[in-house]
Amino acid sequence: MIIRIWHGWTAPANADIYEELLLNEVIVGIRDRHMEGFENIQVLRRELAEEVEFVTIMSFDSLDAVRTFAGEDYEACVVPPAARKVLARFDERSQHYEVRAER
């Protein structure tokens, strides 16, 4: 299994807007692609002093499945234009990890 991790940060005033966009449009769009090898996605949110951090953790059964999602340059971030408008900054590259143990 491959885990894809990505971080994005937004101003507190935009945090709920971004979360709603992420949950109701971005994730729905990912789900509706019915990609073979895509397992699931988790969304984490953390309130900081000056900004709000979001982390997405996606699970895939292989790097080929990640490439189906993100393209040949599979480390490149996948951030739709509407999300870019409300994010203050974000990872341009996603990190990928091979799951070695799960208990």
PDB file of N, CA and C in Angstrom:
ATOM      1  N   MET A   1       0.852  -1.178   0.000  1.00  0.00           N
ATOM      2  CA  MET A   1       0.000   0.000   0.000  1.00  0.00           C
ATOM      3  C   MET A   1       0.893   1.234   0.000  1.00  0.00           C
ATOM      4  N   ILE A   2       0.458   2.258  -0.717  1.00  0.00           N
ATOM      5  CA  ILE A   2       1.166   3.529  -0.801  1.00  0.00           C
ATOM      6  C   ILE A   2       0.300   4.606  -0.148  1.00  0.00           C
ATOM      7  N   ILE A   3       0.923   5.401   0.707  1.00  0.00           N
ATOM      8  CA  ILE A   3       0.263   6.528   1.354  1.00  0.00           C
ATOM      9  C   ILE A   3       0.782   7.812   0.727  1.00  0.00           C
ATOM     10  N   ARG A   4      -0.130   8.679   0.321  1.00  0.00           N
ATOM     11  CA  ARG A   4       0.211   9.984  -0.261  1.00  0.00           C
ATOM     12  C   ARG A   4      -0.203  11.054   0.740  1.00  0.00           C
ATOM     13  N   ILE A   5       0.743  11.895   1.154  1.00  0.00           N
ATOM     14  CA  ILE A   5       0.479  12.927   2.151  1.00  0.00           C
ATOM     15  C   ILE A   5       0.727  14.304   1.531  1.00  0.00           C
ATOM     16  N   TRP A   6      -0.202  15.209   1.784  1.00  0.00           N
ATOM     17  CA  TRP A   6      -0.131  16.564   1.260  1.00  0.00           C
ATOM     18  C   TRP A   6      -0.613  17.536   2.329  1.00  0.00           C
ATOM     19  N   HIS A   7      -0.010  18.736   2.382  1.00  0.00           N
ATOM     20  CA  HIS A   7      -0.377  19.779   3.344  1.00  0.00           C
ATOM     21  C   HIS A   7      -0.789  21.051   2.618  1.00  0.00           C
ATOM     22  N   GLY A   8      -1.799  21.725   3.173  1.00  0.00           N
ATOM     23  CA  GLY A   8      -2.204  23.039   2.695  1.00  0.00           C
ATOM     24  C   GLY A   8      -2.571  23.909   3.881  1.00  0.00           C
ATOM     25  N   TRP A   9      -2.351  25.213   3.758  1.00  0.00           N
ATOM     26  CA  TRP A   9      -2.632  26.148   4.835  1.00  0.00           C
ATOM     27  C   TRP A   9      -3.499  27.275   4.307  1.00  0.00           C
ATOM     28  N   THR A  10      -4.409  27.739   5.155  1.00  0.00           N
ATOM     29  CA  THR A  10      -5.299  28.824   4.771  1.00  0.00           C
ATOM     30  C   THR A  10      -5.496  29.765   5.951  1.00  0.00           C
ATOM     31  N   ALA A  11      -5.975  30.945   5.648  1.00  0.00           N
ATOM     32  CA  ALA A  11      -6.310  31.895   6.703  1.00  0.00           C
ATOM     33  C   ALA A  11      -7.524  31.366   7.464  1.00  0.00           C
ATOM     34  N   PRO A  12      -7.615  31.656   8.762  1.00  0.00           N
ATOM     35  CA  PRO A  12      -8.780  31.191   9.522  1.00  0.00           C
ATOM     36  C   PRO A  12     -10.116  31.568   8.874  1.00  0.00           C
ATOM     37  N   ALA A  13     -10.186  32.732   8.260  1.00  0.00           N
ATOM     38  CA  ALA A  13     -11.433  33.167   7.618  1.00  0.00           C
ATOM     39  C   ALA A  13     -11.816  32.290   6.430  1.00  0.00           C
ATOM     40  N   ASN A  14     -10.842  31.609   5.828  1.00  0.00           N
ATOM     41  CA  ASN A  14     -11.113  30.755   4.667  1.00  0.00           C
ATOM     42  C   ASN A  14     -11.168  29.265   4.994  1.00  0.00           C
ATOM     43  N   ALA A  15     -10.907  28.905   6.245  1.00  0.00           N
ATOM     44  CA  ALA A  15     -10.783  27.493   6.607  1.00  0.00           C
ATOM     45  C   ALA A  15     -12.075  26.704   6.370  1.00  0.00           C
ATOM     46  N   ASP A  16     -13.188  27.229   6.808  1.00  0.00           N
ATOM     47  CA  ASP A  16     -14.448  26.505   6.602  1.00  0.00           C
ATOM     48  C   ASP A  16     -14.814  26.439   5.121  1.00  0.00           C
ATOM     49  N   ILE A  17     -14.512  27.504   4.380  1.00  0.00           N
ATOM     50  CA  ILE A  17     -14.768  27.506   2.939  1.00  0.00           C
ATOM     51  C   ILE A  17     -13.947  26.413   2.269  1.00  0.00           C
ATOM     52  N   TYR A  18     -12.663  26.340   2.618  1.00  0.00           N
ATOM     53  CA  TYR A  18     -11.797  25.328   2.015  1.00  0.00           C
ATOM     54  C   TYR A  18     -12.247  23.925   2.412  1.00  0.00           C
ATOM     55  N   GLU A  19     -12.565  23.735   3.682  1.00  0.00           N
ATOM     56  CA  GLU A  19     -12.990  22.402   4.131  1.00  0.00           C
ATOM     57  C   GLU A  19     -14.244  21.949   3.389  1.00  0.00           C
ATOM     58  N   GLU A  20     -15.201  22.831   3.236  1.00  0.00           N
ATOM     59  CA  GLU A  20     -16.425  22.464   2.509  1.00  0.00           C
ATOM     60  C   GLU A  20     -16.114  22.130   1.046  1.00  0.00           C
ATOM     61  N   LEU A  21     -15.269  22.911   0.418  1.00  0.00           N
ATOM     62  CA  LEU A  21     -14.852  22.637  -0.958  1.00  0.00           C
ATOM     63  C   LEU A  21     -14.154  21.286  -1.055  1.00  0.00           C
ATOM     64  N   LEU A  22     -13.264  21.031  -0.118  1.00  0.00           N
ATOM     65  CA  LEU A  22     -12.518  19.774  -0.103  1.00  0.00           C
ATOM     66  C   LEU A  22     -13.452  18.581   0.067  1.00  0.00           C
ATOM     67  N   LEU A  23     -14.336  18.664   1.041  1.00  0.00           N
ATOM     68  CA  LEU A  23     -15.220  17.535   1.339  1.00  0.00           C
ATOM     69  C   LEU A  23     -16.312  17.329   0.295  1.00  0.00           C
ATOM     70  N   ASN A  24     -16.881  18.423  -0.202  1.00  0.00           N
ATOM     71  CA  ASN A  24     -18.066  18.307  -1.055  1.00  0.00           C
ATOM     72  C   ASN A  24     -17.794  18.380  -2.550  1.00  0.00           C
ATOM     73  N   GLU A  25     -16.601  18.825  -2.936  1.00  0.00           N
ATOM     74  CA  GLU A  25     -16.290  18.894  -4.358  1.00  0.00           C
ATOM     75  C   GLU A  25     -15.053  18.071  -4.709  1.00  0.00           C
ATOM     76  N   VAL A  26     -13.949  18.342  -4.038  1.00  0.00           N
ATOM     77  CA  VAL A  26     -12.692  17.674  -4.393  1.00  0.00           C
ATOM     78  C   VAL A  26     -12.786  16.172  -4.139  1.00  0.00           C
ATOM     79  N   ILE A  27     -13.166  15.794  -2.933  1.00  0.00           N
ATOM     80  CA  ILE A  27     -13.229  14.365  -2.602  1.00  0.00           C
ATOM     81  C   ILE A  27     -14.324  13.662  -3.398  1.00  0.00           C
ATOM     82  N   VAL A  28     -15.439  14.314  -3.586  1.00  0.00           N
ATOM     83  CA  VAL A  28     -16.514  13.729  -4.396  1.00  0.00           C
ATOM     84  C   VAL A  28     -16.007  13.509  -5.822  1.00  0.00           C
ATOM     85  N   GLY A  29     -15.254  14.475  -6.359  1.00  0.00           N
ATOM     86  CA  GLY A  29     -14.690  14.328  -7.695  1.00  0.00           C
ATOM     87  C   GLY A  29     -13.706  13.172  -7.783  1.00  0.00           C
ATOM     88  N   ILE A  30     -12.902  12.992  -6.739  1.00  0.00           N
ATOM     89  CA  ILE A  30     -11.967  11.861  -6.699  1.00  0.00           C
ATOM     90  C   ILE A  30     -12.751  10.556  -6.675  1.00  0.00           C
ATOM     91  N   ARG A  31     -13.732  10.480  -5.803  1.00  0.00           N
ATOM     92  CA  ARG A  31     -14.551   9.270  -5.702  1.00  0.00           C
ATOM     93  C   ARG A  31     -15.245   8.940  -7.014  1.00  0.00           C
ATOM     94  N   ASP A  32     -15.767   9.979  -7.675  1.00  0.00           N
ATOM     95  CA  ASP A  32     -16.522   9.770  -8.912  1.00  0.00           C
ATOM     96  C   ASP A  32     -15.649   9.334 -10.085  1.00  0.00           C
ATOM     97  N   ARG A  33     -14.335   9.424  -9.941  1.00  0.00           N
ATOM     98  CA  ARG A  33     -13.444   8.935 -11.004  1.00  0.00           C
ATOM     99  C   ARG A  33     -13.347   7.403 -10.990  1.00  0.00           C
ATOM    100  N   HIS A  34     -13.758   6.775  -9.912  1.00  0.00           N
ATOM    101  CA  HIS A  34     -13.745   5.312  -9.796  1.00  0.00           C
ATOM    102  C   HIS A  34     -12.390   4.727 -10.212  1.00  0.00           C
ATOM    103  N   MET A  35     -11.333   5.278  -9.649  1.00  0.00           N
ATOM    104  CA  MET A  35      -9.982   4.845 -10.009  1.00  0.00           C
ATOM    105  C   MET A  35      -9.650   3.498  -9.380  1.00  0.00           C
ATOM    106  N   GLU A  36      -9.216   2.585 -10.206  1.00  0.00           N
ATOM    107  CA  GLU A  36      -8.763   1.297  -9.700  1.00  0.00           C
ATOM    108  C   GLU A  36      -7.509   1.530  -8.857  1.00  0.00           C
ATOM    109  N   GLY A  37      -7.493   0.959  -7.666  1.00  0.00           N
ATOM    110  CA  GLY A  37      -6.335   1.075  -6.797  1.00  0.00           C
ATOM    111  C   GLY A  37      -6.409   2.198  -5.785  1.00  0.00           C
ATOM    112  N   PHE A  38      -7.387   3.090  -5.915  1.00  0.00           N
ATOM    113  CA  PHE A  38      -7.591   4.129  -4.906  1.00  0.00           C
ATOM    114  C   PHE A  38      -8.364   3.509  -3.755  1.00  0.00           C
ATOM    115  N   GLU A  39      -7.819   3.628  -2.559  1.00  0.00           N
ATOM    116  CA  GLU A  39      -8.450   3.003  -1.387  1.00  0.00           C
ATOM    117  C   GLU A  39      -9.312   3.992  -0.599  1.00  0.00           C
ATOM    118  N   ASN A  40      -8.705   5.079  -0.123  1.00  0.00           N
ATOM    119  CA  ASN A  40      -9.461   6.041   0.679  1.00  0.00           C
ATOM    120  C   ASN A  40      -8.692   7.337   0.851  1.00  0.00           C
ATOM    121  N   ILE A  41      -9.350   8.307   1.461  1.00  0.00           N
ATOM    122  CA  ILE A  41      -8.727   9.591   1.774  1.00  0.00           C
ATOM    123  C   ILE A  41      -9.178  10.023   3.152  1.00  0.00           C
ATOM    124  N   GLN A  42      -8.237  10.570   3.908  1.00  0.00           N
ATOM    125  CA  GLN A  42      -8.525  11.156   5.215  1.00  0.00           C
ATOM    126  C   GLN A  42      -8.190  12.640   5.133  1.00  0.00           C
ATOM    127  N   VAL A  43      -8.965  13.455   5.844  1.00  0.00           N
ATOM    128  CA  VAL A  43      -8.713  14.891   5.915  1.00  0.00           C
ATOM    129  C   VAL A  43      -8.480  15.252   7.373  1.00  0.00           C
ATOM    130  N   LEU A  44      -7.349  15.886   7.625  1.00  0.00           N
ATOM    131  CA  LEU A  44      -7.005  16.348   8.965  1.00  0.00           C
ATOM    132  C   LEU A  44      -7.013  17.871   8.971  1.00  0.00           C
ATOM    133  N   ARG A  45      -7.408  18.456  10.099  1.00  0.00           N
ATOM    134  CA  ARG A  45      -7.442  19.915  10.235  1.00  0.00           C
ATOM    135  C   ARG A  45      -6.839  20.288  11.578  1.00  0.00           C
ATOM    136  N   ARG A  46      -5.979  21.321  11.552  1.00  0.00           N
ATOM    137  CA  ARG A  46      -5.343  21.775  12.787  1.00  0.00           C
ATOM    138  C   ARG A  46      -5.348  23.296  12.821  1.00  0.00           C
ATOM    139  N   GLU A  47      -5.938  23.840  13.874  1.00  0.00           N
ATOM    140  CA  GLU A  47      -5.982  25.286  14.078  1.00  0.00           C
ATOM    141  C   GLU A  47      -4.643  25.730  14.668  1.00  0.00           C
ATOM    142  N   LEU A  48      -4.002  26.690  14.014  1.00  0.00           N
ATOM    143  CA  LEU A  48      -2.758  27.263  14.494  1.00  0.00           C
ATOM    144  C   LEU A  48      -2.996  28.721  14.866  1.00  0.00           C
ATOM    145  N   ALA A  49      -2.007  29.383  15.387  1.00  0.00           N
ATOM    146  CA  ALA A  49      -2.178  30.766  15.847  1.00  0.00           C
ATOM    147  C   ALA A  49      -2.609  31.702  14.714  1.00  0.00           C
ATOM    148  N   GLU A  50      -1.961  31.603  13.557  1.00  0.00           N
ATOM    149  CA  GLU A  50      -2.208  32.553  12.470  1.00  0.00           C
ATOM    150  C   GLU A  50      -2.860  31.931  11.243  1.00  0.00           C
ATOM    151  N   GLU A  51      -2.980  30.618  11.218  1.00  0.00           N
ATOM    152  CA  GLU A  51      -3.498  29.938  10.035  1.00  0.00           C
ATOM    153  C   GLU A  51      -4.101  28.598  10.424  1.00  0.00           C
ATOM    154  N   VAL A  52      -4.716  27.942   9.449  1.00  0.00           N
ATOM    155  CA  VAL A  52      -5.290  26.621   9.651  1.00  0.00           C
ATOM    156  C   VAL A  52      -4.607  25.675   8.674  1.00  0.00           C
ATOM    157  N   GLU A  53      -4.111  24.558   9.194  1.00  0.00           N
ATOM    158  CA  GLU A  53      -3.421  23.569   8.378  1.00  0.00           C
ATOM    159  C   GLU A  53      -4.366  22.419   8.055  1.00  0.00           C
ATOM    160  N   PHE A  54      -4.329  21.984   6.811  1.00  0.00           N
ATOM    161  CA  PHE A  54      -5.054  20.800   6.378  1.00  0.00           C
ATOM    162  C   PHE A  54      -4.044  19.780   5.875  1.00  0.00           C
ATOM    163  N   VAL A  55      -4.304  18.523   6.160  1.00  0.00           N
ATOM    164  CA  VAL A  55      -3.480  17.430   5.665  1.00  0.00           C
ATOM    165  C   VAL A  55      -4.422  16.431   5.021  1.00  0.00           C
ATOM    166  N   THR A  56      -4.069  15.992   3.812  1.00  0.00           N
ATOM    167  CA  THR A  56      -4.812  14.886   3.217  1.00  0.00           C
ATOM    168  C   THR A  56      -3.895  13.676   3.178  1.00  0.00           C
ATOM    169  N   ILE A  57      -4.459  12.552   3.531  1.00  0.00           N
ATOM    170  CA  ILE A  57      -3.745  11.282   3.517  1.00  0.00           C
ATOM    171  C   ILE A  57      -4.552  10.342   2.636  1.00  0.00           C
ATOM    172  N   MET A  58      -3.965  10.010   1.501  1.00  0.00           N
ATOM    173  CA  MET A  58      -4.639   9.139   0.551  1.00  0.00           C
ATOM    174  C   MET A  58      -3.952   7.785   0.534  1.00  0.00           C
ATOM    175  N   SER A  59      -4.737   6.732   0.382  1.00  0.00           N
ATOM    176  CA  SER A  59      -4.201   5.373   0.301  1.00  0.00           C
ATOM    177  C   SER A  59      -4.468   4.802  -1.081  1.00  0.00           C
ATOM    178  N   PHE A  60      -3.434   4.201  -1.647  1.00  0.00           N
ATOM    179  CA  PHE A  60      -3.509   3.560  -2.959  1.00  0.00           C
ATOM    180  C   PHE A  60      -2.880   2.181  -2.854  1.00  0.00           C
ATOM    181  N   ASP A  61      -3.255   1.277  -3.729  1.00  0.00           N
ATOM    182  CA  ASP A  61      -2.665  -0.056  -3.649  1.00  0.00           C
ATOM    183  C   ASP A  61      -1.314  -0.158  -4.355  1.00  0.00           C
ATOM    184  N   SER A  62      -0.932   0.873  -5.142  1.00  0.00           N
ATOM    185  CA  SER A  62       0.353   0.827  -5.847  1.00  0.00           C
ATOM    186  C   SER A  62       0.713   2.222  -6.357  1.00  0.00           C
ATOM    187  N   LEU A  63       1.968   2.391  -6.766  1.00  0.00           N
ATOM    188  CA  LEU A  63       2.370   3.650  -7.396  1.00  0.00           C
ATOM    189  C   LEU A  63       1.676   3.846  -8.729  1.00  0.00           C
ATOM    190  N   ASP A  64       1.362   2.766  -9.423  1.00  0.00           N
ATOM    191  CA  ASP A  64       0.608   2.893 -10.670  1.00  0.00           C
ATOM    192  C   ASP A  64      -0.758   3.530 -10.416  1.00  0.00           C
ATOM    193  N   ALA A  65      -1.384   3.172  -9.310  1.00  0.00           N
ATOM    194  CA  ALA A  65      -2.673   3.776  -8.951  1.00  0.00           C
ATOM    195  C   ALA A  65      -2.504   5.255  -8.622  1.00  0.00           C
ATOM    196  N   VAL A  66      -1.398   5.609  -7.969  1.00  0.00           N
ATOM    197  CA  VAL A  66      -1.109   7.022  -7.695  1.00  0.00           C
ATOM    198  C   VAL A  66      -0.954   7.774  -9.016  1.00  0.00           C
ATOM    199  N   ARG A  67      -0.253   7.175  -9.970  1.00  0.00           N
ATOM    200  CA  ARG A  67      -0.079   7.799 -11.282  1.00  0.00           C
ATOM    201  C   ARG A  67      -1.422   7.994 -11.996  1.00  0.00           C
ATOM    202  N   THR A  68      -2.336   7.067 -11.823  1.00  0.00           N
ATOM    203  CA  THR A  68      -3.676   7.231 -12.393  1.00  0.00           C
ATOM    204  C   THR A  68      -4.328   8.483 -11.827  1.00  0.00           C
ATOM    205  N   PHE A  69      -4.127   8.726 -10.545  1.00  0.00           N
ATOM    206  CA  PHE A  69      -4.699   9.903  -9.893  1.00  0.00           C
ATOM    207  C   PHE A  69      -3.974  11.189 -10.278  1.00  0.00           C
ATOM    208  N   ALA A  70      -2.641  11.185 -10.184  1.00  0.00           N
ATOM    209  CA  ALA A  70      -1.876  12.427 -10.276  1.00  0.00           C
ATOM    210  C   ALA A  70      -1.146  12.632 -11.600  1.00  0.00           C
ATOM    211  N   GLY A  71      -1.021  11.598 -12.402  1.00  0.00           N
ATOM    212  CA  GLY A  71      -0.274  11.712 -13.642  1.00  0.00           C
ATOM    213  C   GLY A  71       1.107  11.104 -13.512  1.00  0.00           C
ATOM    214  N   GLU A  72       1.840  11.131 -14.596  1.00  0.00           N
ATOM    215  CA  GLU A  72       3.165  10.506 -14.611  1.00  0.00           C
ATOM    216  C   GLU A  72       4.097  11.127 -13.575  1.00  0.00           C
ATOM    217  N   ASP A  73       4.038  12.449 -13.413  1.00  0.00           N
ATOM    218  CA  ASP A  73       4.797  13.117 -12.347  1.00  0.00           C
ATOM    219  C   ASP A  73       3.964  13.017 -11.074  1.00  0.00           C
ATOM    220  N   TYR A  74       3.906  11.812 -10.524  1.00  0.00           N
ATOM    221  CA  TYR A  74       2.947  11.499  -9.461  1.00  0.00           C
ATOM    222  C   TYR A  74       3.176  12.258  -8.164  1.00  0.00           C
ATOM    223  N   GLU A  75       4.353  12.859  -7.978  1.00  0.00           N
ATOM    224  CA  GLU A  75       4.592  13.637  -6.756  1.00  0.00           C
ATOM    225  C   GLU A  75       3.995  15.042  -6.846  1.00  0.00           C
ATOM    226  N   ALA A  76       3.659  15.488  -8.039  1.00  0.00           N
ATOM    227  CA  ALA A  76       3.082  16.821  -8.208  1.00  0.00           C
ATOM    228  C   ALA A  76       1.753  16.917  -7.472  1.00  0.00           C
ATOM    229  N   CYS A  77       1.517  18.064  -6.864  1.00  0.00           N
ATOM    230  CA  CYS A  77       0.258  18.244  -6.142  1.00  0.00           C
ATOM    231  C   CYS A  77      -0.900  18.303  -7.126  1.00  0.00           C
ATOM    232  N   VAL A  78      -2.070  17.960  -6.641  1.00  0.00           N
ATOM    233  CA  VAL A  78      -3.301  18.042  -7.424  1.00  0.00           C
ATOM    234  C   VAL A  78      -4.232  18.966  -6.645  1.00  0.00           C
ATOM    235  N   VAL A  79      -4.211  20.261  -7.005  1.00  0.00           N
ATOM    236  CA  VAL A  79      -4.996  21.276  -6.296  1.00  0.00           C
ATOM    237  C   VAL A  79      -5.818  22.036  -7.333  1.00  0.00           C
ATOM    238  N   PRO A  80      -7.131  21.847  -7.320  1.00  0.00           N
ATOM    239  CA  PRO A  80      -7.981  22.520  -8.304  1.00  0.00           C
ATOM    240  C   PRO A  80      -7.936  24.044  -8.147  1.00  0.00           C
ATOM    241  N   PRO A  81      -8.239  24.781  -9.202  1.00  0.00           N
ATOM    242  CA  PRO A  81      -8.212  26.248  -9.156  1.00  0.00           C
ATOM    243  C   PRO A  81      -9.046  26.850  -8.024  1.00  0.00           C
ATOM    244  N   ALA A  82     -10.226  26.313  -7.770  1.00  0.00           N
ATOM    245  CA  ALA A  82     -11.063  26.867  -6.695  1.00  0.00           C
ATOM    246  C   ALA A  82     -10.390  26.737  -5.332  1.00  0.00           C
ATOM    247  N   ALA A  83      -9.672  25.649  -5.113  1.00  0.00           N
ATOM    248  CA  ALA A  83      -8.955  25.457  -3.852  1.00  0.00           C
ATOM    249  C   ALA A  83      -7.765  26.399  -3.760  1.00  0.00           C
ATOM    250  N   ARG A  84      -7.078  26.607  -4.871  1.00  0.00           N
ATOM    251  CA  ARG A  84      -5.921  27.516  -4.888  1.00  0.00           C
ATOM    252  C   ARG A  84      -6.326  28.928  -4.484  1.00  0.00           C
ATOM    253  N   LYS A  85      -7.566  29.315  -4.775  1.00  0.00           N
ATOM    254  CA  LYS A  85      -8.027  30.667  -4.448  1.00  0.00           C
ATOM    255  C   LYS A  85      -8.148  30.901  -2.950  1.00  0.00           C
ATOM    256  N   VAL A  86      -8.418  29.857  -2.176  1.00  0.00           N
ATOM    257  CA  VAL A  86      -8.617  30.050  -0.730  1.00  0.00           C
ATOM    258  C   VAL A  86      -7.447  29.547   0.114  1.00  0.00           C
ATOM    259  N   LEU A  87      -6.520  28.848  -0.497  1.00  0.00           N
ATOM    260  CA  LEU A  87      -5.333  28.409   0.239  1.00  0.00           C
ATOM    261  C   LEU A  87      -4.279  29.514   0.216  1.00  0.00           C
ATOM    262  N   ALA A  88      -3.642  29.745   1.353  1.00  0.00           N
ATOM    263  CA  ALA A  88      -2.565  30.724   1.434  1.00  0.00           C
ATOM    264  C   ALA A  88      -1.274  30.147   0.861  1.00  0.00           C
ATOM    265  N   ARG A  89      -1.061  28.862   1.099  1.00  0.00           N
ATOM    266  CA  ARG A  89       0.116  28.155   0.592  1.00  0.00           C
ATOM    267  C   ARG A  89      -0.168  26.663   0.673  1.00  0.00           C
ATOM    268  N   PHE A  90       0.627  25.883  -0.060  1.00  0.00           N
ATOM    269  CA  PHE A  90       0.429  24.436  -0.039  1.00  0.00           C
ATOM    270  C   PHE A  90       1.673  23.754  -0.584  1.00  0.00           C
ATOM    271  N   ASP A  91       1.789  22.462  -0.266  1.00  0.00           N
ATOM    272  CA  ASP A  91       2.879  21.657  -0.799  1.00  0.00           C
ATOM    273  C   ASP A  91       2.734  21.559  -2.307  1.00  0.00           C
ATOM    274  N   GLU A  92       3.790  21.899  -3.020  1.00  0.00           N
ATOM    275  CA  GLU A  92       3.799  21.718  -4.472  1.00  0.00           C
ATOM    276  C   GLU A  92       4.032  20.251  -4.840  1.00  0.00           C
ATOM    277  N   ARG A  93       4.635  19.507  -3.926  1.00  0.00           N
ATOM    278  CA  ARG A  93       4.935  18.094  -4.126  1.00  0.00           C
ATOM    279  C   ARG A  93       4.333  17.309  -2.957  1.00  0.00           C
ATOM    280  N   SER A  94       3.749  16.184  -3.249  1.00  0.00           N
ATOM    281  CA  SER A  94       3.220  15.290  -2.214  1.00  0.00           C
ATOM    282  C   SER A  94       4.288  14.265  -1.846  1.00  0.00           C
ATOM    283  N   GLN A  95       4.214  13.778  -0.635  1.00  0.00           N
ATOM    284  CA  GLN A  95       5.143  12.750  -0.174  1.00  0.00           C
ATOM    285  C   GLN A  95       4.444  11.396  -0.262  1.00  0.00           C
ATOM    286  N   HIS A  96       5.223  10.383  -0.598  1.00  0.00           N
ATOM    287  CA  HIS A  96       4.678   9.031  -0.748  1.00  0.00           C
ATOM    288  C   HIS A  96       5.472   8.057   0.103  1.00  0.00           C
ATOM    289  N   TYR A  97       4.759   7.202   0.785  1.00  0.00           N
ATOM    290  CA  TYR A  97       5.371   6.238   1.684  1.00  0.00           C
ATOM    291  C   TYR A  97       4.784   4.858   1.415  1.00  0.00           C
ATOM    292  N   GLU A  98       5.630   3.869   1.475  1.00  0.00           N
ATOM    293  CA  GLU A  98       5.188   2.492   1.380  1.00  0.00           C
ATOM    294  C   GLU A  98       4.836   2.012   2.784  1.00  0.00           C
ATOM    295  N   VAL A  99       3.659   1.481   2.960  1.00  0.00           N
ATOM    296  CA  VAL A  99       3.262   0.949   4.259  1.00  0.00           C
ATOM    297  C   VAL A  99       4.013  -0.364   4.474  1.00  0.00           C
ATOM    298  N   ARG A 100       4.762  -0.426   5.543  1.00  0.00           N
ATOM    299  CA  ARG A 100       5.579  -1.602   5.835  1.00  0.00           C
ATOM    300  C   ARG A 100       4.967  -2.480   6.925  1.00  0.00           C
ATOM    301  N   ALA A 101       4.094  -1.879   7.742  1.00  0.00           N
ATOM    302  CA  ALA A 101       3.428  -2.653   8.793  1.00  0.00           C
ATOM    303  C   ALA A 101       2.144  -1.930   9.166  1.00  0.00           C
ATOM    304  N   GLU A 102       1.152  -2.714   9.506  1.00  0.00           N
ATOM    305  CA  GLU A 102      -0.122  -2.171   9.970  1.00  0.00           C
ATOM    306  C   GLU A 102      -0.655  -3.148  11.004  1.00  0.00           C
ATOM    307  N   ARG A 103      -0.876  -2.650  12.177  1.00  0.00           N
ATOM    308  CA  ARG A 103      -1.299  -3.544  13.253  1.00  0.00           C
ATOM    309  C   ARG A 103      -2.556  -3.071  13.910  1.00  0.00           C
TER     310      ARG A 103
END
